[in-house]
Amino acid sequence: MIFRFRSFLAMDRSSIFTALAIPSFTESGQVREYIGVTMDVTDRKLTEAALQEAQSELARVARLTTMGEFAASIAHDIMQPLAATVAYGEAARTLAQSRRPKSRGGPRRHK
């Protein structure tokens, strides 16, 4: 039989024990005694809890990183066509200004 129990040593500290007990029988089949071992597994349980907390924090950071990458991807996909539109507009304005005839003097009047 395996037992697990907690022993409270003080208000702020407790220990966790695991006990393994095997019965010893008499020749008639009745239980004479139990032979067992008790192990303090407090440190192991605390380590497991710390590991679980670290894994949860790592998963949270991974989710945040993924969200950041996704936001950067969306921003790039939105900005790329806008930047291209601005570049084409500036190129068109430059081209239009370079082909505009230069006037000399005042306005010309046709007769």
C-alpha atoms as a PDB file:
ATOM      1  CA  MET A   1       0.000   0.000   0.000  1.00  0.00           C
ATOM      2  CA  ILE A   2       1.177   3.510  -0.776  1.00  0.00           C
ATOM      3  CA  PHE A   3       0.121   6.458   1.351  1.00  0.00           C
ATOM      4  CA  ARG A   4       0.741  10.120   0.727  1.00  0.00           C
ATOM      5  CA  PHE A   5       0.205  12.599   3.528  1.00  0.00           C
ATOM      6  CA  ARG A   6       1.144  16.120   4.546  1.00  0.00           C
ATOM      7  CA  SER A   7       2.589  17.030   7.904  1.00  0.00           C
ATOM      8  CA  PHE A   8       2.202  20.612   9.119  1.00  0.00           C
ATOM      9  CA  LEU A   9       5.290  21.589  11.060  1.00  0.00           C
ATOM     10  CA  ALA A  10       4.508  25.277  11.469  1.00  0.00           C
ATOM     11  CA  MET A  11       1.957  27.798  10.250  1.00  0.00           C
ATOM     12  CA  ASP A  12       3.969  28.653   7.141  1.00  0.00           C
ATOM     13  CA  ARG A  13       5.737  25.372   6.381  1.00  0.00           C
ATOM     14  CA  SER A  14       4.573  21.860   5.771  1.00  0.00           C
ATOM     15  CA  SER A  15       6.235  18.680   4.566  1.00  0.00           C
ATOM     16  CA  ILE A  16       4.919  16.102   2.140  1.00  0.00           C
ATOM     17  CA  PHE A  17       5.637  12.456   2.809  1.00  0.00           C
ATOM     18  CA  THR A  18       5.117   9.282   0.807  1.00  0.00           C
ATOM     19  CA  ALA A  19       4.913   6.038   2.723  1.00  0.00           C
ATOM     20  CA  LEU A  20       5.124   2.515   1.325  1.00  0.00           C
ATOM     21  CA  ALA A  21       3.933  -0.281   3.590  1.00  0.00           C
ATOM     22  CA  ILE A  22       3.912  -4.023   2.952  1.00  0.00           C
ATOM     23  CA  PRO A  23       2.086  -6.330   5.369  1.00  0.00           C
ATOM     24  CA  SER A  24       3.841  -9.282   6.969  1.00  0.00           C
ATOM     25  CA  PHE A  25       1.521 -12.257   7.554  1.00  0.00           C
ATOM     26  CA  THR A  26       1.465 -15.008  10.157  1.00  0.00           C
ATOM     27  CA  GLU A  27       1.275 -18.644   9.095  1.00  0.00           C
ATOM     28  CA  SER A  28      -2.503 -18.499   9.530  1.00  0.00           C
ATOM     29  CA  GLY A  29      -2.747 -15.596   7.062  1.00  0.00           C
ATOM     30  CA  GLN A  30      -3.405 -12.780   9.498  1.00  0.00           C
ATOM     31  CA  VAL A  31      -1.486  -9.524   9.327  1.00  0.00           C
ATOM     32  CA  ARG A  32       1.281  -9.580  11.885  1.00  0.00           C
ATOM     33  CA  GLU A  33       2.818  -6.180  11.118  1.00  0.00           C
ATOM     34  CA  TYR A  34       3.517  -3.716   8.384  1.00  0.00           C
ATOM     35  CA  ILE A  35       7.030  -3.114   7.195  1.00  0.00           C
ATOM     36  CA  GLY A  36       7.483   0.176   5.439  1.00  0.00           C
ATOM     37  CA  VAL A  37       9.420   3.181   4.426  1.00  0.00           C
ATOM     38  CA  THR A  38       8.505   6.845   4.686  1.00  0.00           C
ATOM     39  CA  MET A  39      10.157   9.363   2.370  1.00  0.00           C
ATOM     40  CA  ASP A  40      10.075  13.162   2.581  1.00  0.00           C
ATOM     41  CA  VAL A  41       9.168  14.294  -0.949  1.00  0.00           C
ATOM     42  CA  THR A  42       8.694  17.976  -0.109  1.00  0.00           C
ATOM     43  CA  ASP A  43      11.663  19.163  -2.176  1.00  0.00           C
ATOM     44  CA  ARG A  44      10.567  17.091  -5.173  1.00  0.00           C
ATOM     45  CA  LYS A  45       7.019  18.483  -4.987  1.00  0.00           C
ATOM     46  CA  LEU A  46       8.308  22.049  -4.663  1.00  0.00           C
ATOM     47  CA  THR A  47      10.606  21.493  -7.642  1.00  0.00           C
ATOM     48  CA  GLU A  48       7.721  20.071  -9.685  1.00  0.00           C
ATOM     49  CA  ALA A  49       5.586  23.103  -8.802  1.00  0.00           C
ATOM     50  CA  ALA A  50       8.407  25.485  -9.788  1.00  0.00           C
ATOM     51  CA  LEU A  51       8.873  23.604 -13.065  1.00  0.00           C
ATOM     52  CA  GLN A  52       5.156  23.839 -13.811  1.00  0.00           C
ATOM     53  CA  GLU A  53       5.213  27.581 -13.114  1.00  0.00           C
ATOM     54  CA  ALA A  54       8.264  28.067 -15.361  1.00  0.00           C
ATOM     55  CA  GLN A  55       6.599  26.090 -18.167  1.00  0.00           C
ATOM     56  CA  SER A  56       3.442  28.200 -17.837  1.00  0.00           C
ATOM     57  CA  GLU A  57       5.489  31.399 -18.008  1.00  0.00           C
ATOM     58  CA  LEU A  58       7.386  30.107 -21.049  1.00  0.00           C
ATOM     59  CA  ALA A  59       4.100  29.281 -22.793  1.00  0.00           C
ATOM     60  CA  ARG A  60       2.791  32.787 -22.006  1.00  0.00           C
ATOM     61  CA  VAL A  61       5.932  34.420 -23.407  1.00  0.00           C
ATOM     62  CA  ALA A  62       5.712  32.240 -26.528  1.00  0.00           C
ATOM     63  CA  ARG A  63       2.091  33.356 -27.061  1.00  0.00           C
ATOM     64  CA  LEU A  64       3.078  37.014 -26.658  1.00  0.00           C
ATOM     65  CA  THR A  65       5.975  36.588 -29.084  1.00  0.00           C
ATOM     66  CA  THR A  66       3.672  34.989 -31.636  1.00  0.00           C
ATOM     67  CA  MET A  67       1.184  37.846 -31.265  1.00  0.00           C
ATOM     68  CA  GLY A  68       3.993  40.383 -31.794  1.00  0.00           C
ATOM     69  CA  GLU A  69       5.185  38.627 -34.932  1.00  0.00           C
ATOM     70  CA  PHE A  70       1.609  38.481 -36.215  1.00  0.00           C
ATOM     71  CA  ALA A  71       1.111  42.215 -35.567  1.00  0.00           C
ATOM     72  CA  ALA A  72       4.384  43.024 -37.347  1.00  0.00           C
ATOM     73  CA  SER A  73       3.295  40.908 -40.315  1.00  0.00           C
ATOM     74  CA  ILE A  74      -0.048  42.714 -40.540  1.00  0.00           C
ATOM     75  CA  ALA A  75       1.670  46.112 -40.296  1.00  0.00           C
ATOM     76  CA  HIS A  76       4.047  45.144 -43.098  1.00  0.00           C
ATOM     77  CA  ASP A  77       1.198  43.894 -45.293  1.00  0.00           C
ATOM     78  CA  ILE A  78      -0.670  47.178 -44.786  1.00  0.00           C
ATOM     79  CA  MET A  79       2.311  49.511 -45.173  1.00  0.00           C
ATOM     80  CA  GLN A  80       3.822  47.915 -48.281  1.00  0.00           C
ATOM     81  CA  PRO A  81       0.965  48.848 -50.668  1.00  0.00           C
ATOM     82  CA  LEU A  82       0.685  52.323 -49.105  1.00  0.00           C
ATOM     83  CA  ALA A  83       4.414  52.933 -49.553  1.00  0.00           C
ATOM     84  CA  ALA A  84       4.183  51.762 -53.163  1.00  0.00           C
ATOM     85  CA  THR A  85       1.242  54.115 -53.791  1.00  0.00           C
ATOM     86  CA  VAL A  86       3.168  57.069 -52.349  1.00  0.00           C
ATOM     87  CA  ALA A  87       6.248  56.167 -54.416  1.00  0.00           C
ATOM     88  CA  TYR A  88       4.196  55.933 -57.623  1.00  0.00           C
ATOM     89  CA  GLY A  89       2.516  59.276 -56.850  1.00  0.00           C
ATOM     90  CA  GLU A  90       5.865  61.005 -56.288  1.00  0.00           C
ATOM     91  CA  ALA A  91       7.249  59.473 -59.483  1.00  0.00           C
ATOM     92  CA  ALA A  92       4.222  60.652 -61.446  1.00  0.00           C
ATOM     93  CA  ARG A  93       4.549  64.186 -60.052  1.00  0.00           C
ATOM     94  CA  THR A  94       8.269  64.291 -60.872  1.00  0.00           C
ATOM     95  CA  LEU A  95       7.604  63.007 -64.386  1.00  0.00           C
ATOM     96  CA  ALA A  96       4.791  65.489 -64.922  1.00  0.00           C
ATOM     97  CA  GLN A  97       6.970  68.408 -63.765  1.00  0.00           C
ATOM     98  CA  SER A  98       9.847  67.385 -66.015  1.00  0.00           C
ATOM     99  CA  ARG A  99       7.629  67.332 -69.150  1.00  0.00           C
ATOM    100  CA  ARG A 100       5.882  70.628 -68.456  1.00  0.00           C
ATOM    101  CA  PRO A 101       6.899  73.231 -71.072  1.00  0.00           C
ATOM    102  CA  LYS A 102       8.823  76.136 -69.666  1.00  0.00           C
ATOM    103  CA  SER A 103       7.176  79.467 -70.350  1.00  0.00           C
ATOM    104  CA  ARG A 104       9.104  82.608 -71.229  1.00  0.00           C
ATOM    105  CA  GLY A 105       7.659  85.815 -70.117  1.00  0.00           C
ATOM    106  CA  GLY A 106       3.951  86.356 -69.678  1.00  0.00           C
ATOM    107  CA  PRO A 107       1.065  84.351 -70.997  1.00  0.00           C
ATOM    108  CA  ARG A 108       0.855  83.883 -74.751  1.00  0.00           C
ATOM    109  CA  ARG A 109      -2.100  85.076 -76.684  1.00  0.00           C
ATOM    110  CA  HIS A 110      -3.155  83.543 -79.904  1.00  0.00           C
ATOM    111  CA  LYS A 111      -4.685  85.731 -82.607  1.00  0.00           C
END
